[in-house]
Amino acid sequence: MAGETQVKEEAPKRKVTWMHIVTFAFATAISYVLAVVSSLIFPVLGAPGVSALYIAAAIYVPLGIWMGLWGCLAGYISCFFLGLYPSGYSLVQSFVWSWADFIEALVPALIYKGLKAELDFTVKRPRAAKLLPLFVSTGSILLLLGVVIQVLWGATYGEPFTTVYVALVYIGTALAAVGIILGLVAGNPRTWIAQILSVIGAGVCSGIWGAGTLTIFNFPPPLPAELFWPVFVGWVVGDLIVLSVISTALLVALTPVFKRTGLLVKGWWA
């Protein structure tokens, strides 16, 4: 009615729940275990703790997109303990270095929020809708199969298992890349552009900080300055593979679950 003061209804304030804390703790623990395995099985020579296939990033980077700073913190804490053991860095060195994984989860979260991209990984065209998960999931399976072969046989016996591992990693990455292109063409363009920028931005920004703090600046840097480029290249290439394949597959598969369970964070914590 005219003259009545209209009271604007406020949306209920979102709160941090025990599910956020449990998910964060579980993701941190899994990230640490995967970080240790990755750094021991797929090392970048001369750089303890740096992996040419850092599978842990596939856990905390999607978590940063889904849950904001929870994912960033999971990346930081898991990397901090990786720096202490088995990498052997000091408390100060590990404290500085570990911000690389915080940054790696933060960059995608910033990109998605900055582009106002919805977490909509569905594909609008029926034929492409069948092909996208096929390519992404097959690529992930091949990459993980390659990792298993390298862990069980390649690391101990070498050839031909190492060659099979490398072939499966690159074939899996290529298939996942095809899936991402299908999503860009036949899905929500803003979402898939955000995902592409996230993969590249996270790998490069994390690599700059990680390689830089190991070789150029720290208190003191644990590695010689001339190792910056080998560490940086190994770091970025490995992260690009993991984020484009496994991380993308998890986002496609588990985003609906995070939406249904209320774990999807609208702000940074809740």
C-alpha atoms as a PDB file:
ATOM      1  CA  MET A   1       0.000   0.000   0.000  1.00  0.00           C
ATOM      2  CA  ALA A   2       1.068   3.563  -0.671  1.00  0.00           C
ATOM      3  CA  GLY A   3       2.671   5.353   2.238  1.00  0.00           C
ATOM      4  CA  GLU A   4       3.850   2.160   3.847  1.00  0.00           C
ATOM      5  CA  THR A   5       7.547   1.846   4.448  1.00  0.00           C
ATOM      6  CA  GLN A   6       8.858  -1.031   2.430  1.00  0.00           C
ATOM      7  CA  VAL A   7      11.240  -3.161   4.415  1.00  0.00           C
ATOM      8  CA  LYS A   8      13.868  -4.739   2.295  1.00  0.00           C
ATOM      9  CA  GLU A   9      14.341  -8.387   3.155  1.00  0.00           C
ATOM     10  CA  GLU A  10      17.918  -9.280   3.840  1.00  0.00           C
ATOM     11  CA  ALA A  11      19.327 -12.566   2.653  1.00  0.00           C
ATOM     12  CA  PRO A  12      20.214 -14.877   5.543  1.00  0.00           C
ATOM     13  CA  LYS A  13      23.833 -14.507   6.541  1.00  0.00           C
ATOM     14  CA  ARG A  14      25.939 -17.498   5.598  1.00  0.00           C
ATOM     15  CA  LYS A  15      27.984 -19.044   8.390  1.00  0.00           C
ATOM     16  CA  VAL A  16      31.004 -21.288   8.585  1.00  0.00           C
ATOM     17  CA  THR A  17      29.849 -24.812   9.446  1.00  0.00           C
ATOM     18  CA  TRP A  18      31.575 -27.944  10.667  1.00  0.00           C
ATOM     19  CA  MET A  19      31.346 -29.279   7.087  1.00  0.00           C
ATOM     20  CA  HIS A  20      33.643 -26.472   5.907  1.00  0.00           C
ATOM     21  CA  ILE A  21      36.188 -27.304   8.601  1.00  0.00           C
ATOM     22  CA  VAL A  22      36.070 -31.066   8.027  1.00  0.00           C
ATOM     23  CA  THR A  23      36.360 -30.658   4.255  1.00  0.00           C
ATOM     24  CA  PHE A  24      39.279 -28.269   4.698  1.00  0.00           C
ATOM     25  CA  ALA A  25      41.083 -30.607   7.117  1.00  0.00           C
ATOM     26  CA  PHE A  26      40.560 -33.624   4.860  1.00  0.00           C
ATOM     27  CA  ALA A  27      41.720 -31.736   1.767  1.00  0.00           C
ATOM     28  CA  THR A  28      44.822 -30.494   3.611  1.00  0.00           C
ATOM     29  CA  ALA A  29      45.770 -34.007   4.708  1.00  0.00           C
ATOM     30  CA  ILE A  30      45.219 -35.473   1.235  1.00  0.00           C
ATOM     31  CA  SER A  31      47.168 -32.600  -0.340  1.00  0.00           C
ATOM     32  CA  TYR A  32      50.136 -33.232   1.950  1.00  0.00           C
ATOM     33  CA  VAL A  33      50.202 -36.968   1.199  1.00  0.00           C
ATOM     34  CA  LEU A  34      49.970 -36.344  -2.552  1.00  0.00           C
ATOM     35  CA  ALA A  35      52.609 -33.611  -2.303  1.00  0.00           C
ATOM     36  CA  VAL A  36      55.063 -35.975  -0.615  1.00  0.00           C
ATOM     37  CA  VAL A  37      54.410 -38.775  -3.116  1.00  0.00           C
ATOM     38  CA  SER A  38      54.657 -36.388  -6.076  1.00  0.00           C
ATOM     39  CA  SER A  39      57.906 -34.820  -4.912  1.00  0.00           C
ATOM     40  CA  LEU A  40      59.530 -38.206  -4.270  1.00  0.00           C
ATOM     41  CA  ILE A  41      58.346 -40.010  -7.404  1.00  0.00           C
ATOM     42  CA  PHE A  42      58.417 -37.129  -9.908  1.00  0.00           C
ATOM     43  CA  PRO A  43      61.188 -34.828  -8.635  1.00  0.00           C
ATOM     44  CA  VAL A  44      62.599 -31.811 -10.408  1.00  0.00           C
ATOM     45  CA  LEU A  45      66.302 -32.555 -10.017  1.00  0.00           C
ATOM     46  CA  GLY A  46      68.115 -30.260  -7.625  1.00  0.00           C
ATOM     47  CA  ALA A  47      64.961 -28.930  -5.959  1.00  0.00           C
ATOM     48  CA  PRO A  48      63.621 -30.975  -3.005  1.00  0.00           C
ATOM     49  CA  GLY A  49      59.846 -30.679  -2.719  1.00  0.00           C
ATOM     50  CA  VAL A  50      59.345 -29.601  -6.343  1.00  0.00           C
ATOM     51  CA  SER A  51      57.569 -32.100  -8.569  1.00  0.00           C
ATOM     52  CA  ALA A  52      57.284 -32.382 -12.331  1.00  0.00           C
ATOM     53  CA  LEU A  53      53.748 -33.691 -11.739  1.00  0.00           C
ATOM     54  CA  TYR A  54      52.447 -32.092  -8.547  1.00  0.00           C
ATOM     55  CA  ILE A  55      49.157 -33.952  -8.114  1.00  0.00           C
ATOM     56  CA  ALA A  56      48.378 -32.200  -4.817  1.00  0.00           C
ATOM     57  CA  ALA A  57      47.471 -29.062  -6.804  1.00  0.00           C
ATOM     58  CA  ALA A  58      44.482 -30.943  -8.219  1.00  0.00           C
ATOM     59  CA  ILE A  59      43.001 -30.956  -4.704  1.00  0.00           C
ATOM     60  CA  TYR A  60      43.514 -27.476  -3.250  1.00  0.00           C
ATOM     61  CA  VAL A  61      43.122 -25.470  -6.493  1.00  0.00           C
ATOM     62  CA  PRO A  62      39.532 -26.654  -7.165  1.00  0.00           C
ATOM     63  CA  LEU A  63      38.892 -26.227  -3.443  1.00  0.00           C
ATOM     64  CA  GLY A  64      39.939 -22.581  -3.791  1.00  0.00           C
ATOM     65  CA  ILE A  65      37.390 -22.149  -6.583  1.00  0.00           C
ATOM     66  CA  TRP A  66      34.674 -23.866  -4.563  1.00  0.00           C
ATOM     67  CA  MET A  67      35.514 -22.632  -1.068  1.00  0.00           C
ATOM     68  CA  GLY A  68      37.712 -19.544  -1.396  1.00  0.00           C
ATOM     69  CA  LEU A  69      40.371 -19.109   1.263  1.00  0.00           C
ATOM     70  CA  TRP A  70      39.785 -22.590   2.658  1.00  0.00           C
ATOM     71  CA  GLY A  71      41.452 -23.980  -0.477  1.00  0.00           C
ATOM     72  CA  CYS A  72      44.267 -21.431  -0.320  1.00  0.00           C
ATOM     73  CA  LEU A  73      44.960 -22.348   3.310  1.00  0.00           C
ATOM     74  CA  ALA A  74      44.908 -26.070   2.481  1.00  0.00           C
ATOM     75  CA  GLY A  75      47.531 -25.436  -0.192  1.00  0.00           C
ATOM     76  CA  TYR A  76      49.699 -23.377   2.159  1.00  0.00           C
ATOM     77  CA  ILE A  77      49.643 -25.753   5.116  1.00  0.00           C
ATOM     78  CA  SER A  78      50.276 -28.879   3.037  1.00  0.00           C
ATOM     79  CA  CYS A  79      53.207 -27.162   1.279  1.00  0.00           C
ATOM     80  CA  PHE A  80      54.596 -25.867   4.584  1.00  0.00           C
ATOM     81  CA  PHE A  81      54.842 -29.376   6.013  1.00  0.00           C
ATOM     82  CA  LEU A  82      56.201 -30.657   2.691  1.00  0.00           C
ATOM     83  CA  GLY A  83      58.968 -28.063   3.024  1.00  0.00           C
ATOM     84  CA  LEU A  84      59.857 -29.377   6.478  1.00  0.00           C
ATOM     85  CA  TYR A  85      59.569 -33.063   5.587  1.00  0.00           C
ATOM     86  CA  PRO A  86      60.775 -34.643   3.404  1.00  0.00           C
ATOM     87  CA  SER A  87      62.279 -31.571   1.678  1.00  0.00           C
ATOM     88  CA  GLY A  88      64.415 -30.590   4.679  1.00  0.00           C
ATOM     89  CA  TYR A  89      64.003 -26.797   4.517  1.00  0.00           C
ATOM     90  CA  SER A  90      64.129 -24.662   7.654  1.00  0.00           C
ATOM     91  CA  LEU A  91      61.017 -23.220   9.296  1.00  0.00           C
ATOM     92  CA  VAL A  92      61.685 -19.779   7.806  1.00  0.00           C
ATOM     93  CA  GLN A  93      62.468 -21.126   4.336  1.00  0.00           C
ATOM     94  CA  SER A  94      59.345 -23.277   4.335  1.00  0.00           C
ATOM     95  CA  PHE A  95      57.218 -20.419   5.682  1.00  0.00           C
ATOM     96  CA  VAL A  96      58.243 -18.188   2.739  1.00  0.00           C
ATOM     97  CA  TRP A  97      58.202 -20.886   0.052  1.00  0.00           C
ATOM     98  CA  SER A  98      54.767 -22.258   0.950  1.00  0.00           C
ATOM     99  CA  TRP A  99      52.986 -19.096  -0.154  1.00  0.00           C
ATOM    100  CA  ALA A 100      53.456 -20.485  -3.676  1.00  0.00           C
ATOM    101  CA  ASP A 101      50.655 -22.986  -3.119  1.00  0.00           C
ATOM    102  CA  PHE A 102      48.500 -20.356  -1.388  1.00  0.00           C
ATOM    103  CA  ILE A 103      48.919 -18.208  -4.518  1.00  0.00           C
ATOM    104  CA  GLU A 104      48.164 -21.177  -6.757  1.00  0.00           C
ATOM    105  CA  ALA A 105      44.726 -21.586  -5.189  1.00  0.00           C
ATOM    106  CA  LEU A 106      44.106 -17.839  -4.807  1.00  0.00           C
ATOM    107  CA  VAL A 107      44.688 -16.899  -8.475  1.00  0.00           C
ATOM    108  CA  PRO A 108      41.856 -19.100  -9.851  1.00  0.00           C
ATOM    109  CA  ALA A 109      39.509 -17.906  -7.108  1.00  0.00           C
ATOM    110  CA  LEU A 110      40.288 -14.293  -8.026  1.00  0.00           C
ATOM    111  CA  ILE A 111      39.834 -14.989 -11.736  1.00  0.00           C
ATOM    112  CA  TYR A 112      36.421 -16.611 -11.268  1.00  0.00           C
ATOM    113  CA  LYS A 113      35.262 -13.834  -8.961  1.00  0.00           C
ATOM    114  CA  GLY A 114      36.746 -11.080 -11.129  1.00  0.00           C
ATOM    115  CA  LEU A 115      35.065 -12.404 -14.294  1.00  0.00           C
ATOM    116  CA  LYS A 116      31.875 -13.140 -12.317  1.00  0.00           C
ATOM    117  CA  ALA A 117      31.966 -16.570 -13.896  1.00  0.00           C
ATOM    118  CA  GLU A 118      29.350 -19.047 -12.750  1.00  0.00           C
ATOM    119  CA  LEU A 119      30.472 -22.531 -11.823  1.00  0.00           C
ATOM    120  CA  ASP A 120      28.496 -23.953 -14.726  1.00  0.00           C
ATOM    121  CA  PHE A 121      30.414 -26.713 -16.483  1.00  0.00           C
ATOM    122  CA  THR A 122      27.404 -28.100 -18.325  1.00  0.00           C
ATOM    123  CA  VAL A 123      27.433 -28.244 -22.115  1.00  0.00           C
ATOM    124  CA  LYS A 124      24.432 -26.934 -24.025  1.00  0.00           C
ATOM    125  CA  ARG A 125      24.755 -28.990 -27.219  1.00  0.00           C
ATOM    126  CA  PRO A 126      23.762 -32.658 -26.796  1.00  0.00           C
ATOM    127  CA  ARG A 127      26.572 -34.159 -28.860  1.00  0.00           C
ATOM    128  CA  ALA A 128      29.228 -32.030 -27.178  1.00  0.00           C
ATOM    129  CA  ALA A 129      27.639 -32.785 -23.796  1.00  0.00           C
ATOM    130  CA  LYS A 130      28.504 -36.444 -24.321  1.00  0.00           C
ATOM    131  CA  LEU A 131      32.008 -35.792 -25.625  1.00  0.00           C
ATOM    132  CA  LEU A 132      33.261 -33.294 -23.015  1.00  0.00           C
ATOM    133  CA  PRO A 133      33.138 -35.611 -19.970  1.00  0.00           C
ATOM    134  CA  LEU A 134      34.411 -38.445 -22.166  1.00  0.00           C
ATOM    135  CA  PHE A 135      37.529 -36.522 -23.191  1.00  0.00           C
ATOM    136  CA  VAL A 136      38.218 -35.000 -19.769  1.00  0.00           C
ATOM    137  CA  SER A 137      37.603 -38.215 -17.807  1.00  0.00           C
ATOM    138  CA  THR A 138      39.550 -40.375 -20.264  1.00  0.00           C
ATOM    139  CA  GLY A 139      42.447 -37.919 -20.133  1.00  0.00           C
ATOM    140  CA  SER A 140      42.419 -38.038 -16.328  1.00  0.00           C
ATOM    141  CA  ILE A 141      42.294 -41.845 -16.271  1.00  0.00           C
ATOM    142  CA  LEU A 142      45.230 -42.115 -18.671  1.00  0.00           C
ATOM    143  CA  LEU A 143      47.288 -39.619 -16.668  1.00  0.00           C
ATOM    144  CA  LEU A 144      46.577 -41.409 -13.377  1.00  0.00           C
ATOM    145  CA  LEU A 145      47.317 -44.772 -15.021  1.00  0.00           C
ATOM    146  CA  GLY A 146      50.659 -43.366 -16.132  1.00  0.00           C
ATOM    147  CA  VAL A 147      51.352 -42.189 -12.575  1.00  0.00           C
ATOM    148  CA  VAL A 148      50.552 -45.646 -11.179  1.00  0.00           C
ATOM    149  CA  ILE A 149      52.864 -47.313 -13.709  1.00  0.00           C
ATOM    150  CA  GLN A 150      55.671 -44.905 -12.835  1.00  0.00           C
ATOM    151  CA  VAL A 151      55.171 -45.392  -9.082  1.00  0.00           C
ATOM    152  CA  LEU A 152      54.959 -49.198  -9.221  1.00  0.00           C
ATOM    153  CA  TRP A 153      57.513 -49.985 -11.909  1.00  0.00           C
ATOM    154  CA  GLY A 154      59.039 -46.950 -13.627  1.00  0.00           C
ATOM    155  CA  ALA A 155      60.758 -45.523 -10.550  1.00  0.00           C
ATOM    156  CA  THR A 156      62.424 -48.893  -9.864  1.00  0.00           C
ATOM    157  CA  TYR A 157      62.960 -50.535 -13.262  1.00  0.00           C
ATOM    158  CA  GLY A 158      63.097 -47.567 -15.649  1.00  0.00           C
ATOM    159  CA  GLU A 159      62.419 -48.435 -19.279  1.00  0.00           C
ATOM    160  CA  PRO A 160      60.046 -49.267 -20.874  1.00  0.00           C
ATOM    161  CA  PHE A 161      57.782 -48.218 -18.012  1.00  0.00           C
ATOM    162  CA  THR A 162      59.080 -44.647 -17.926  1.00  0.00           C
ATOM    163  CA  THR A 163      58.318 -44.200 -21.635  1.00  0.00           C
ATOM    164  CA  VAL A 164      54.809 -45.587 -21.134  1.00  0.00           C
ATOM    165  CA  TYR A 165      54.305 -43.174 -18.232  1.00  0.00           C
ATOM    166  CA  VAL A 166      55.414 -40.161 -20.296  1.00  0.00           C
ATOM    167  CA  ALA A 167      53.239 -41.205 -23.251  1.00  0.00           C
ATOM    168  CA  LEU A 168      50.149 -41.643 -21.084  1.00  0.00           C
ATOM    169  CA  VAL A 169      50.699 -38.258 -19.407  1.00  0.00           C
ATOM    170  CA  TYR A 170      50.922 -36.401 -22.713  1.00  0.00           C
ATOM    171  CA  ILE A 171      48.055 -38.298 -24.362  1.00  0.00           C
ATOM    172  CA  GLY A 172      45.885 -37.703 -21.293  1.00  0.00           C
ATOM    173  CA  THR A 173      46.738 -34.002 -21.313  1.00  0.00           C
ATOM    174  CA  ALA A 174      45.912 -33.717 -25.018  1.00  0.00           C
ATOM    175  CA  LEU A 175      42.528 -35.391 -24.529  1.00  0.00           C
ATOM    176  CA  ALA A 176      41.707 -33.124 -21.598  1.00  0.00           C
ATOM    177  CA  ALA A 177      42.680 -30.089 -23.698  1.00  0.00           C
ATOM    178  CA  VAL A 178      40.204 -31.199 -26.365  1.00  0.00           C
ATOM    179  CA  GLY A 179      37.544 -31.467 -23.661  1.00  0.00           C
ATOM    180  CA  ILE A 180      38.289 -27.930 -22.429  1.00  0.00           C
ATOM    181  CA  ILE A 181      37.998 -26.596 -25.990  1.00  0.00           C
ATOM    182  CA  LEU A 182      34.642 -28.375 -26.365  1.00  0.00           C
ATOM    183  CA  GLY A 183      33.475 -26.724 -23.154  1.00  0.00           C
ATOM    184  CA  LEU A 184      34.549 -23.308 -24.418  1.00  0.00           C
ATOM    185  CA  VAL A 185      32.736 -23.801 -27.719  1.00  0.00           C
ATOM    186  CA  ALA A 186      29.598 -25.556 -26.526  1.00  0.00           C
ATOM    187  CA  GLY A 187      29.310 -24.617 -22.847  1.00  0.00           C
ATOM    188  CA  ASN A 188      29.249 -21.437 -20.777  1.00  0.00           C
ATOM    189  CA  PRO A 189      32.002 -19.357 -22.452  1.00  0.00           C
ATOM    190  CA  ARG A 190      32.745 -17.215 -19.389  1.00  0.00           C
ATOM    191  CA  THR A 191      33.124 -20.263 -17.164  1.00  0.00           C
ATOM    192  CA  TRP A 192      35.515 -22.013 -19.529  1.00  0.00           C
ATOM    193  CA  ILE A 193      37.513 -18.853 -20.249  1.00  0.00           C
ATOM    194  CA  ALA A 194      37.907 -18.467 -16.487  1.00  0.00           C
ATOM    195  CA  GLN A 195      39.073 -22.074 -16.256  1.00  0.00           C
ATOM    196  CA  ILE A 196      41.660 -21.665 -19.022  1.00  0.00           C
ATOM    197  CA  LEU A 197      42.998 -18.448 -17.474  1.00  0.00           C
ATOM    198  CA  SER A 198      43.037 -20.135 -14.068  1.00  0.00           C
ATOM    199  CA  VAL A 199      45.140 -23.066 -15.265  1.00  0.00           C
ATOM    200  CA  ILE A 200      47.709 -20.773 -16.878  1.00  0.00           C
ATOM    201  CA  GLY A 201      47.677 -18.067 -14.205  1.00  0.00           C
ATOM    202  CA  ALA A 202      47.913 -20.478 -11.277  1.00  0.00           C
ATOM    203  CA  GLY A 203      50.835 -22.389 -12.784  1.00  0.00           C
ATOM    204  CA  VAL A 204      52.853 -19.320 -13.781  1.00  0.00           C
ATOM    205  CA  CYS A 205      52.262 -17.218 -10.648  1.00  0.00           C
ATOM    206  CA  SER A 206      52.916 -20.146  -8.342  1.00  0.00           C
ATOM    207  CA  GLY A 207      56.033 -21.074 -10.311  1.00  0.00           C
ATOM    208  CA  ILE A 208      57.466 -17.567 -10.092  1.00  0.00           C
ATOM    209  CA  TRP A 209      57.037 -17.427  -6.323  1.00  0.00           C
ATOM    210  CA  GLY A 210      58.040 -21.035  -5.691  1.00  0.00           C
ATOM    211  CA  ALA A 211      61.151 -21.058  -7.876  1.00  0.00           C
ATOM    212  CA  GLY A 212      62.086 -17.526  -6.829  1.00  0.00           C
ATOM    213  CA  THR A 213      61.942 -18.183  -3.098  1.00  0.00           C
ATOM    214  CA  LEU A 214      63.966 -21.372  -3.488  1.00  0.00           C
ATOM    215  CA  THR A 215      66.731 -19.790  -5.554  1.00  0.00           C
ATOM    216  CA  ILE A 216      66.778 -15.972  -5.401  1.00  0.00           C
ATOM    217  CA  PHE A 217      65.184 -14.584  -2.244  1.00  0.00           C
ATOM    218  CA  ASN A 218      64.558 -16.232   1.117  1.00  0.00           C
ATOM    219  CA  PHE A 219      66.404 -16.288   4.469  1.00  0.00           C
ATOM    220  CA  PRO A 220      68.682 -17.556   2.889  1.00  0.00           C
ATOM    221  CA  PRO A 221      67.541 -19.230  -0.362  1.00  0.00           C
ATOM    222  CA  PRO A 222      68.074 -22.984   0.025  1.00  0.00           C
ATOM    223  CA  LEU A 223      69.165 -23.457  -3.617  1.00  0.00           C
ATOM    224  CA  PRO A 224      71.658 -21.686  -5.924  1.00  0.00           C
ATOM    225  CA  ALA A 225      70.317 -18.792  -8.026  1.00  0.00           C
ATOM    226  CA  GLU A 226      71.256 -20.517 -11.312  1.00  0.00           C
ATOM    227  CA  LEU A 227      68.626 -23.195 -10.650  1.00  0.00           C
ATOM    228  CA  PHE A 228      65.767 -20.696 -11.025  1.00  0.00           C
ATOM    229  CA  TRP A 229      64.930 -21.523 -14.645  1.00  0.00           C
ATOM    230  CA  PRO A 230      65.112 -25.341 -14.369  1.00  0.00           C
ATOM    231  CA  VAL A 231      62.959 -25.244 -11.235  1.00  0.00           C
ATOM    232  CA  PHE A 232      60.526 -22.721 -12.745  1.00  0.00           C
ATOM    233  CA  VAL A 233      60.043 -24.652 -15.994  1.00  0.00           C
ATOM    234  CA  GLY A 234      59.624 -28.003 -14.241  1.00  0.00           C
ATOM    235  CA  TRP A 235      57.202 -26.443 -11.751  1.00  0.00           C
ATOM    236  CA  VAL A 236      55.006 -24.699 -14.346  1.00  0.00           C
ATOM    237  CA  VAL A 237      54.868 -27.541 -16.883  1.00  0.00           C
ATOM    238  CA  GLY A 238      53.913 -30.043 -14.190  1.00  0.00           C
ATOM    239  CA  ASP A 239      51.212 -27.786 -12.784  1.00  0.00           C
ATOM    240  CA  LEU A 240      49.763 -27.031 -16.221  1.00  0.00           C
ATOM    241  CA  ILE A 241      49.366 -30.755 -16.851  1.00  0.00           C
ATOM    242  CA  VAL A 242      47.771 -31.497 -13.485  1.00  0.00           C
ATOM    243  CA  LEU A 243      45.445 -28.468 -13.496  1.00  0.00           C
ATOM    244  CA  SER A 244      44.277 -28.910 -17.083  1.00  0.00           C
ATOM    245  CA  VAL A 245      43.558 -32.620 -16.626  1.00  0.00           C
ATOM    246  CA  ILE A 246      42.752 -33.740 -13.083  1.00  0.00           C
ATOM    247  CA  SER A 247      41.653 -30.376 -11.656  1.00  0.00           C
ATOM    248  CA  THR A 248      39.311 -29.743 -14.588  1.00  0.00           C
ATOM    249  CA  ALA A 249      37.858 -33.249 -14.285  1.00  0.00           C
ATOM    250  CA  LEU A 250      37.155 -32.704 -10.581  1.00  0.00           C
ATOM    251  CA  LEU A 251      35.498 -29.354 -11.251  1.00  0.00           C
ATOM    252  CA  VAL A 252      33.214 -30.891 -13.884  1.00  0.00           C
ATOM    253  CA  ALA A 253      32.353 -33.911 -11.729  1.00  0.00           C
ATOM    254  CA  LEU A 254      32.109 -32.464  -8.207  1.00  0.00           C
ATOM    255  CA  THR A 255      30.803 -28.897  -8.633  1.00  0.00           C
ATOM    256  CA  PRO A 256      27.160 -30.116  -8.525  1.00  0.00           C
ATOM    257  CA  VAL A 257      27.967 -31.979  -5.284  1.00  0.00           C
ATOM    258  CA  PHE A 258      29.381 -28.829  -3.644  1.00  0.00           C
ATOM    259  CA  LYS A 259      26.297 -26.906  -4.743  1.00  0.00           C
ATOM    260  CA  ARG A 260      23.893 -29.511  -3.342  1.00  0.00           C
ATOM    261  CA  THR A 261      25.660 -29.913   0.002  1.00  0.00           C
ATOM    262  CA  GLY A 262      25.951 -26.198   0.728  1.00  0.00           C
ATOM    263  CA  LEU A 263      29.756 -26.329   0.751  1.00  0.00           C
ATOM    264  CA  LEU A 264      30.016 -23.831  -2.095  1.00  0.00           C
ATOM    265  CA  VAL A 265      31.326 -20.600  -0.607  1.00  0.00           C
ATOM    266  CA  LYS A 266      29.887 -17.342  -1.950  1.00  0.00           C
ATOM    267  CA  GLY A 267      32.372 -15.084  -0.167  1.00  0.00           C
ATOM    268  CA  TRP A 268      35.815 -16.111   1.019  1.00  0.00           C
ATOM    269  CA  TRP A 269      34.953 -18.207   4.054  1.00  0.00           C
ATOM    270  CA  ALA A 270      31.173 -18.824   3.905  1.00  0.00           C
END
